[in-house]
C-alpha atoms as a PDB file:
ATOM      1  CA  MET A   1      63.046  15.215  -9.674  1.00  0.00           C
ATOM      2  CA  LYS A   2      61.440  14.544 -13.144  1.00  0.00           C
ATOM      3  CA  ARG A   3      63.896  11.669 -14.251  1.00  0.00           C
ATOM      4  CA  ILE A   4      63.797   9.923 -11.017  1.00  0.00           C
ATOM      5  CA  SER A   5      59.990   9.808 -11.356  1.00  0.00           C
ATOM      6  CA  LEU A   6      60.063   8.343 -14.544  1.00  0.00           C
ATOM      7  CA  ILE A   7      62.366   6.020 -13.343  1.00  0.00           C
ATOM      8  CA  ILE A   8      60.360   4.299 -10.139  1.00  0.00           C
ATOM      9  CA  LEU A   9      57.716   4.716 -12.705  1.00  0.00           C
ATOM     10  CA  ILE A  10      59.388   2.555 -15.091  1.00  0.00           C
ATOM     11  CA  VAL A  11      60.153  -0.537 -12.343  1.00  0.00           C
ATOM     12  CA  VAL A  12      56.539  -0.512 -10.598  1.00  0.00           C
ATOM     13  CA  SER A  13      55.266  -0.883 -13.913  1.00  0.00           C
ATOM     14  CA  SER A  14      57.786  -3.738 -15.146  1.00  0.00           C
ATOM     15  CA  ALA A  15      57.155  -5.110 -11.443  1.00  0.00           C
ATOM     16  CA  VAL A  16      53.138  -5.316 -11.955  1.00  0.00           C
ATOM     17  CA  ILE A  17      53.392  -6.888 -15.607  1.00  0.00           C
ATOM     18  CA  GLY A  18      55.936  -9.131 -13.820  1.00  0.00           C
ATOM     19  CA  LEU A  19      53.782 -10.034 -11.312  1.00  0.00           C
ATOM     20  CA  THR A  20      50.374 -10.382 -13.567  1.00  0.00           C
ATOM     21  CA  GLY A  21      52.627 -12.855 -15.874  1.00  0.00           C
ATOM     22  CA  VAL A  22      53.278 -15.391 -12.597  1.00  0.00           C
ATOM     23  CA  SER A  23      49.744 -15.290 -11.972  1.00  0.00           C
ATOM     24  CA  THR A  24      48.647 -15.943 -15.705  1.00  0.00           C
ATOM     25  CA  GLN A  25      51.237 -18.936 -15.513  1.00  0.00           C
ATOM     26  CA  THR A  26      50.627 -20.720 -12.484  1.00  0.00           C
ATOM     27  CA  GLN A  27      46.641 -20.303 -12.356  1.00  0.00           C
ATOM     28  CA  ARG A  28      44.784 -23.539 -12.324  1.00  0.00           C
ATOM     29  CA  PRO A  29      41.998 -24.506 -14.871  1.00  0.00           C
ATOM     30  CA  ALA A  30      38.768 -24.545 -12.804  1.00  0.00           C
ATOM     31  CA  ARG A  31      37.948 -28.477 -12.351  1.00  0.00           C
ATOM     32  CA  GLN A  32      35.143 -29.474 -14.477  1.00  0.00           C
ATOM     33  CA  VAL A  33      32.731 -31.644 -12.302  1.00  0.00           C
ATOM     34  CA  PRO A  34      31.012 -34.510 -13.999  1.00  0.00           C
ATOM     35  CA  GLN A  35      27.598 -34.022 -14.514  1.00  0.00           C
ATOM     36  CA  THR A  36      25.079 -37.287 -13.690  1.00  0.00           C
ATOM     37  CA  THR A  37      21.865 -37.825 -15.412  1.00  0.00           C
ATOM     38  CA  MET A  38      19.392 -40.283 -13.607  1.00  0.00           C
ATOM     39  CA  THR A  39      17.592 -42.444 -16.445  1.00  0.00           C
ATOM     40  CA  THR A  40      14.153 -43.357 -15.885  1.00  0.00           C
ATOM     41  CA  ALA A  41      14.772 -46.755 -15.666  1.00  0.00           C
ATOM     42  CA  GLN A  42      17.323 -45.793 -12.576  1.00  0.00           C
ATOM     43  CA  ARG A  43      14.424 -43.585 -11.365  1.00  0.00           C
ATOM     44  CA  ARG A  44      11.987 -46.377 -11.455  1.00  0.00           C
ATOM     45  CA  GLN A  45      13.968 -49.063  -9.922  1.00  0.00           C
ATOM     46  CA  ILE A  46      14.515 -47.092  -6.816  1.00  0.00           C
ATOM     47  CA  ALA A  47      10.587 -46.121  -6.727  1.00  0.00           C
ATOM     48  CA  LEU A  48       9.795 -49.271  -6.794  1.00  0.00           C
ATOM     49  CA  GLN A  49      12.831 -50.752  -4.075  1.00  0.00           C
ATOM     50  CA  LYS A  50      11.138 -48.228  -1.917  1.00  0.00           C
ATOM     51  CA  THR A  51       7.795 -49.065  -2.393  1.00  0.00           C
ATOM     52  CA  THR A  52       8.875 -52.966  -1.891  1.00  0.00           C
ATOM     53  CA  MET A  53      10.753 -52.082   1.857  1.00  0.00           C
ATOM     54  CA  THR A  54       7.940 -49.535   2.921  1.00  0.00           C
ATOM     55  CA  GLN A  55       4.835 -52.487   2.273  1.00  0.00           C
ATOM     56  CA  GLN A  56       7.009 -55.112   3.990  1.00  0.00           C
ATOM     57  CA  ARG A  57       7.979 -52.508   6.733  1.00  0.00           C
ATOM     58  CA  LEU A  58       3.891 -52.333   7.418  1.00  0.00           C
ATOM     59  CA  ASN A  59       3.294 -55.683   6.851  1.00  0.00           C
ATOM     60  CA  ARG A  60       5.970 -56.194   9.717  1.00  0.00           C
ATOM     61  CA  TYR A  61       4.216 -54.285  11.907  1.00  0.00           C
ATOM     62  CA  PHE A  62       0.721 -55.861  10.884  1.00  0.00           C
ATOM     63  CA  HIS A  63       1.731 -59.120  11.026  1.00  0.00           C
ATOM     64  CA  ALA A  64       3.185 -58.696  14.484  1.00  0.00           C
ATOM     65  CA  GLU A  65       1.044 -56.271  16.712  1.00  0.00           C
ATOM     66  CA  VAL A  66      -2.338 -56.542  14.598  1.00  0.00           C
ATOM     67  CA  MET A  67      -2.610 -60.035  12.889  1.00  0.00           C
ATOM     68  CA  PRO A  68      -2.327 -61.923  16.266  1.00  0.00           C
ATOM     69  CA  ASN A  69      -5.401 -60.234  17.591  1.00  0.00           C
ATOM     70  CA  LEU A  70      -7.664 -60.353  14.523  1.00  0.00           C
ATOM     71  CA  THR A  71      -7.420 -64.099  12.978  1.00  0.00           C
ATOM     72  CA  ASN A  72      -9.914 -65.162  15.403  1.00  0.00           C
ATOM     73  CA  CYS A  73     -12.690 -62.837  14.488  1.00  0.00           C
ATOM     74  CA  TRP A  74     -11.590 -62.388  10.843  1.00  0.00           C
ATOM     75  CA  SER A  75     -12.591 -66.342  10.546  1.00  0.00           C
ATOM     76  CA  ARG A  76     -16.013 -65.448  12.030  1.00  0.00           C
ATOM     77  CA  LEU A  77     -16.729 -63.293   8.593  1.00  0.00           C
ATOM     78  CA  GLN A  78     -19.208 -65.217   6.432  1.00  0.00           C
ATOM     79  CA  GLY A  79     -18.364 -64.764   2.692  1.00  0.00           C
ATOM     80  CA  ARG A  80     -15.620 -64.417   0.833  1.00  0.00           C
ATOM     81  CA  GLY A  81     -13.689 -61.376  -1.134  1.00  0.00           C
ATOM     82  CA  THR A  82     -12.061 -58.521  -0.149  1.00  0.00           C
ATOM     83  CA  ILE A  83     -12.807 -55.442   1.824  1.00  0.00           C
ATOM     84  CA  GLU A  84     -10.275 -52.246   1.788  1.00  0.00           C
ATOM     85  CA  ILE A  85      -9.449 -50.544   4.588  1.00  0.00           C
ATOM     86  CA  ALA A  86      -8.028 -47.429   5.493  1.00  0.00           C
ATOM     87  CA  HIS A  87      -5.955 -47.175   8.582  1.00  0.00           C
ATOM     88  CA  SER A  88      -5.351 -43.888   9.826  1.00  0.00           C
ATOM     89  CA  TYR A  89      -2.030 -43.146  12.199  1.00  0.00           C
ATOM     90  CA  THR A  90      -0.781 -39.698  14.068  1.00  0.00           C
ATOM     91  CA  LYS A  91       2.655 -39.492  15.203  1.00  0.00           C
ATOM     92  CA  ASP A  92       3.563 -38.824  19.061  1.00  0.00           C
ATOM     93  CA  VAL A  93       5.892 -37.075  20.699  1.00  0.00           C
ATOM     94  CA  SER A  94       8.121 -39.959  20.889  1.00  0.00           C
ATOM     95  CA  GLY A  95       7.837 -40.364  16.650  1.00  0.00           C
ATOM     96  CA  LYS A  96       6.038 -43.570  16.812  1.00  0.00           C
ATOM     97  CA  TRP A  97       2.914 -44.174  14.752  1.00  0.00           C
ATOM     98  CA  ILE A  98      -0.110 -44.793  16.629  1.00  0.00           C
ATOM     99  CA  ALA A  99      -3.278 -46.200  15.077  1.00  0.00           C
ATOM    100  CA  ASP A 100      -5.924 -43.634  15.016  1.00  0.00           C
ATOM    101  CA  LYS A 101      -9.363 -44.300  12.630  1.00  0.00           C
ATOM    102  CA  LEU A 102     -10.160 -46.892  10.102  1.00  0.00           C
ATOM    103  CA  THR A 103     -12.746 -46.418   7.346  1.00  0.00           C
ATOM    104  CA  VAL A 104     -13.890 -48.814   5.024  1.00  0.00           C
ATOM    105  CA  GLY A 105     -13.192 -48.550   0.958  1.00  0.00           C
ATOM    106  CA  LYS A 106     -14.520 -50.700  -1.940  1.00  0.00           C
ATOM    107  CA  SER A 107     -15.630 -53.967  -0.371  1.00  0.00           C
ATOM    108  CA  THR A 108     -16.686 -57.301  -2.287  1.00  0.00           C
ATOM    109  CA  LEU A 109     -18.220 -59.120   1.137  1.00  0.00           C
ATOM    110  CA  PRO A 110     -21.841 -59.995   1.464  1.00  0.00           C
ATOM    111  CA  ARG A 111     -24.230 -56.830   2.904  1.00  0.00           C
ATOM    112  CA  GLY A 112     -23.556 -56.444   6.785  1.00  0.00           C
ATOM    113  CA  GLN A 113     -20.030 -58.285   7.062  1.00  0.00           C
ATOM    114  CA  ASP A 114     -18.257 -54.828   6.152  1.00  0.00           C
ATOM    115  CA  ALA A 115     -19.391 -53.612   9.479  1.00  0.00           C
ATOM    116  CA  VAL A 116     -18.203 -56.981  11.337  1.00  0.00           C
ATOM    117  CA  ALA A 117     -14.907 -56.313   9.582  1.00  0.00           C
ATOM    118  CA  LEU A 118     -14.393 -52.808  10.517  1.00  0.00           C
ATOM    119  CA  GLN A 119     -15.234 -53.939  13.984  1.00  0.00           C
ATOM    120  CA  CYS A 120     -12.872 -56.545  14.342  1.00  0.00           C
ATOM    121  CA  MET A 121     -10.000 -54.420  12.935  1.00  0.00           C
ATOM    122  CA  GLN A 122     -10.727 -51.651  15.316  1.00  0.00           C
ATOM    123  CA  ASP A 123     -10.606 -54.316  18.218  1.00  0.00           C
ATOM    124  CA  SER A 124      -7.747 -55.540  16.949  1.00  0.00           C
ATOM    125  CA  VAL A 125      -5.649 -52.400  15.996  1.00  0.00           C
ATOM    126  CA  ARG A 126      -6.181 -50.261  19.163  1.00  0.00           C
ATOM    127  CA  GLY A 127      -3.421 -49.641  21.136  1.00  0.00           C
ATOM    128  CA  THR A 128      -0.988 -50.932  18.109  1.00  0.00           C
ATOM    129  CA  SER A 129       2.130 -48.727  16.573  1.00  0.00           C
ATOM    130  CA  PHE A 130       4.552 -48.658  14.414  1.00  0.00           C
ATOM    131  CA  SER A 131       8.290 -46.970  14.325  1.00  0.00           C
ATOM    132  CA  SER A 132       8.877 -44.114  12.116  1.00  0.00           C
ATOM    133  CA  ASP A 133      11.367 -44.200   9.162  1.00  0.00           C
ATOM    134  CA  SER A 134      13.974 -41.594   8.213  1.00  0.00           C
ATOM    135  CA  GLY A 135      12.337 -42.446   4.607  1.00  0.00           C
ATOM    136  CA  ASP A 136       8.808 -40.746   6.367  1.00  0.00           C
ATOM    137  CA  GLY A 137       8.142 -37.356   4.811  1.00  0.00           C
ATOM    138  CA  LYS A 138       7.718 -34.481   8.123  1.00  0.00           C
ATOM    139  CA  GLY A 139       3.960 -34.688   8.349  1.00  0.00           C
ATOM    140  CA  ASP A 140       2.086 -35.970  11.185  1.00  0.00           C
ATOM    141  CA  ARG A 141      -0.576 -38.562   9.702  1.00  0.00           C
ATOM    142  CA  TYR A 142       0.018 -41.443   7.714  1.00  0.00           C
ATOM    143  CA  LEU A 143      -2.523 -43.270   6.015  1.00  0.00           C
ATOM    144  CA  VAL A 144      -2.179 -46.983   4.463  1.00  0.00           C
ATOM    145  CA  ASN A 145      -4.617 -48.252   2.151  1.00  0.00           C
ATOM    146  CA  TRP A 146      -4.598 -52.414   3.094  1.00  0.00           C
ATOM    147  CA  THR A 147      -7.083 -54.400   0.721  1.00  0.00           C
ATOM    148  CA  TRP A 148      -8.039 -57.395   3.134  1.00  0.00           C
ATOM    149  CA  PRO A 149      -8.485 -61.026   1.831  1.00  0.00           C
ATOM    150  CA  VAL A 150     -11.551 -62.936   3.464  1.00  0.00           C
ATOM    151  CA  PRO A 151     -11.086 -65.345   4.690  1.00  0.00           C
ATOM    152  CA  PHE A 152      -7.339 -65.327   5.431  1.00  0.00           C
ATOM    153  CA  PRO A 153      -5.684 -68.072   2.266  1.00  0.00           C
ATOM    154  CA  SER A 154      -5.205 -71.526   3.708  1.00  0.00           C
ATOM    155  CA  ASP A 155      -1.834 -71.102   2.803  1.00  0.00           C
ATOM    156  CA  ALA A 156      -1.129 -67.645   4.613  1.00  0.00           C
ATOM    157  CA  THR A 157       2.318 -68.933   6.208  1.00  0.00           C
ATOM    158  CA  THR A 158       3.635 -69.505   2.867  1.00  0.00           C
ATOM    159  CA  LEU A 159       2.844 -66.018   1.261  1.00  0.00           C
ATOM    160  CA  THR A 160       3.609 -64.414   4.251  1.00  0.00           C
ATOM    161  CA  SER A 161       7.234 -65.571   3.926  1.00  0.00           C
ATOM    162  CA  ALA A 162       7.281 -65.420   0.491  1.00  0.00           C
ATOM    163  CA  MET A 163       6.002 -61.817   0.810  1.00  0.00           C
ATOM    164  CA  PHE A 164       9.282 -61.149   3.270  1.00  0.00           C
ATOM    165  CA  ALA A 165      11.651 -62.611   1.342  1.00  0.00           C
ATOM    166  CA  ALA A 166      10.434 -60.665  -2.269  1.00  0.00           C
ATOM    167  CA  LYS A 167      12.671 -58.317  -4.323  1.00  0.00           C
ATOM    168  CA  PRO A 168      11.781 -55.533  -6.397  1.00  0.00           C
ATOM    169  CA  LYS A 169      10.403 -57.110  -9.391  1.00  0.00           C
ATOM    170  CA  ARG A 170       7.712 -55.708 -12.127  1.00  0.00           C
ATOM    171  CA  GLY A 171       4.989 -57.106 -12.834  1.00  0.00           C
ATOM    172  CA  GLY A 172       2.135 -59.165 -10.997  1.00  0.00           C
ATOM    173  CA  SER A 173      -0.976 -57.281 -10.475  1.00  0.00           C
ATOM    174  CA  GLY A 174      -2.089 -53.830  -7.929  1.00  0.00           C
ATOM    175  CA  CYS A 175      -0.156 -53.010  -5.062  1.00  0.00           C
ATOM    176  CA  ASP A 176      -0.024 -56.415  -3.970  1.00  0.00           C
ATOM    177  CA  GLY A 177       0.413 -58.519  -6.379  1.00  0.00           C
ATOM    178  CA  ARG A 178      -3.513 -59.712  -6.141  1.00  0.00           C
ATOM    179  CA  GLY A 179      -5.448 -56.244  -7.544  1.00  0.00           C
ATOM    180  CA  ALA A 180      -5.019 -54.008  -4.563  1.00  0.00           C
ATOM    181  CA  PRO A 181      -5.443 -50.486  -5.870  1.00  0.00           C
ATOM    182  CA  ALA A 182      -2.532 -47.735  -5.799  1.00  0.00           C
ATOM    183  CA  GLN A 183      -4.817 -45.026  -3.700  1.00  0.00           C
ATOM    184  CA  CYS A 184      -1.687 -42.467  -3.168  1.00  0.00           C
ATOM    185  CA  PHE A 185       0.114 -40.048  -4.716  1.00  0.00           C
ATOM    186  CA  ILE A 186       3.507 -38.093  -6.317  1.00  0.00           C
ATOM    187  CA  CYS A 187       4.715 -35.234  -7.952  1.00  0.00           C
ATOM    188  CA  ASP A 188       6.009 -36.130 -11.518  1.00  0.00           C
ATOM    189  CA  GLN A 189       7.026 -33.905 -13.538  1.00  0.00           C
ATOM    190  CA  LYS A 190       4.691 -31.244 -11.908  1.00  0.00           C
ATOM    191  CA  SER A 191       1.678 -33.522 -12.577  1.00  0.00           C
ATOM    192  CA  CYS A 192       0.218 -35.682  -9.804  1.00  0.00           C
ATOM    193  CA  LEU A 193       0.447 -39.204 -10.538  1.00  0.00           C
ATOM    194  CA  ARG A 194      -1.195 -41.906  -8.700  1.00  0.00           C
ATOM    195  CA  VAL A 195       1.164 -44.650  -7.110  1.00  0.00           C
ATOM    196  CA  CYS A 196       1.556 -47.490  -4.560  1.00  0.00           C
ATOM    197  CA  VAL A 197       3.585 -46.063  -2.229  1.00  0.00           C
ATOM    198  CA  GLY A 198       3.473 -41.552  -1.383  1.00  0.00           C
ATOM    199  CA  TYR A 199       1.680 -39.324  -0.272  1.00  0.00           C
ATOM    200  CA  LYS A 200      -2.165 -38.715   0.512  1.00  0.00           C
ATOM    201  CA  THR A 201      -2.603 -35.605  -1.258  1.00  0.00           C
ATOM    202  CA  CYS A 202      -1.219 -34.181  -4.548  1.00  0.00           C
ATOM    203  CA  ARG A 203      -2.037 -30.733  -5.634  1.00  0.00           C
ATOM    204  CA  GLU A 204      -1.311 -29.283  -9.080  1.00  0.00           C
ATOM    205  CA  TYR A 205      -1.442 -25.312  -9.257  1.00  0.00           C
ATOM    206  CA  THR A 206      -0.141 -22.514 -11.544  1.00  0.00           C
ATOM    207  CA  SER A 207       2.125 -20.057 -10.683  1.00  0.00           C
ATOM    208  CA  GLY A 208       1.020 -16.225 -12.328  1.00  0.00           C
ATOM    209  CA  GLU A 209       3.746 -16.582 -14.530  1.00  0.00           C
ATOM    210  CA  GLY A 210       1.923 -19.964 -15.908  1.00  0.00           C
ATOM    211  CA  ALA A 211       4.568 -21.898 -14.358  1.00  0.00           C
ATOM    212  CA  LYS A 212       2.784 -25.122 -13.056  1.00  0.00           C
ATOM    213  CA  PHE A 213       3.681 -26.798 -10.009  1.00  0.00           C
ATOM    214  CA  CYS A 214       2.797 -29.782  -7.649  1.00  0.00           C
ATOM    215  CA  THR A 215       2.568 -30.058  -3.728  1.00  0.00           C
ATOM    216  CA  GLU A 216       2.555 -33.399  -1.710  1.00  0.00           C
ATOM    217  CA  SER A 217       1.496 -33.762   1.914  1.00  0.00           C
ATOM    218  CA  ASP A 218       1.407 -36.800   4.618  1.00  0.00           C
ATOM    219  CA  ASP A 219       2.238 -40.467   3.414  1.00  0.00           C
ATOM    220  CA  CYS A 220       0.626 -42.806   2.097  1.00  0.00           C
ATOM    221  CA  ALA A 221       0.964 -46.146   1.575  1.00  0.00           C
ATOM    222  CA  SER A 222      -1.553 -48.910  -0.470  1.00  0.00           C
ATOM    223  CA  GLY A 223      -0.922 -52.740  -0.516  1.00  0.00           C
ATOM    224  CA  GLY A 224      -1.928 -55.937   1.314  1.00  0.00           C
ATOM    225  CA  PRO A 225      -0.866 -58.571   3.936  1.00  0.00           C
ATOM    226  CA  PHE A 226       0.002 -60.856   1.801  1.00  0.00           C
ATOM    227  CA  GLY A 227       1.853 -59.491  -0.923  1.00  0.00           C
ATOM    228  CA  LEU A 228       4.208 -56.669  -2.479  1.00  0.00           C
ATOM    229  CA  ILE A 229       4.388 -54.945  -5.667  1.00  0.00           C
ATOM    230  CA  GLY A 230       5.116 -56.750  -8.416  1.00  0.00           C
ATOM    231  CA  GLY A 231       4.993 -59.835  -6.510  1.00  0.00           C
ATOM    232  CA  GLY A 232       8.410 -60.956  -7.224  1.00  0.00           C
ATOM    233  CA  VAL A 233      10.029 -63.288  -4.448  1.00  0.00           C
ATOM    234  CA  ILE A 234      13.247 -64.474  -4.154  1.00  0.00           C
ATOM    235  CA  GLN A 235      13.713 -68.314  -5.607  1.00  0.00           C
END
């Protein structure tokens, strides 16, 4: 009986060794997945393209829904200059951004004209809206900081056509190519960075272990009705 048991043990051991050898021979090496790293220049170009598309989208709304009602009232404003108006929108159940509150920021208009301009704009945006986009955040508020010229430029039609034909291009001044300030934020390297298109708020904080983080909330855009960041135009 001992001899039979020994023979069985040898046979089983040989089979195990054989199977192990087959498994080793047929095992395929793990596939190496190529690692792609986006360069700083590529990230900046993507951000510039997103900014341009967002500004064009908002200007399609302003030119189609607001300015037809605004032009006559705007032409009665006195003096020359610019006025920054913060347009606040809320999202309804259908996903549209509905015009809500307006507030005046920096203005170079003569004394008393800010209130007139604000009333003109309030009357013109009342009841207007624009559709949400897949790139919008999950919040229910959208802040649009637009810098409006007074009066509208005499070549407004030409400027408008150029603005809608524009492509992402660095250069120019401000968020509209004419000095409109950047009034939005994004998280960049765990710190808040001011940008033309991003979020209304950005908060920096440090965890208990000392790690630094930042959070963003509510969509935000800065610009103007007759230009884009960089001011680049397709020739």
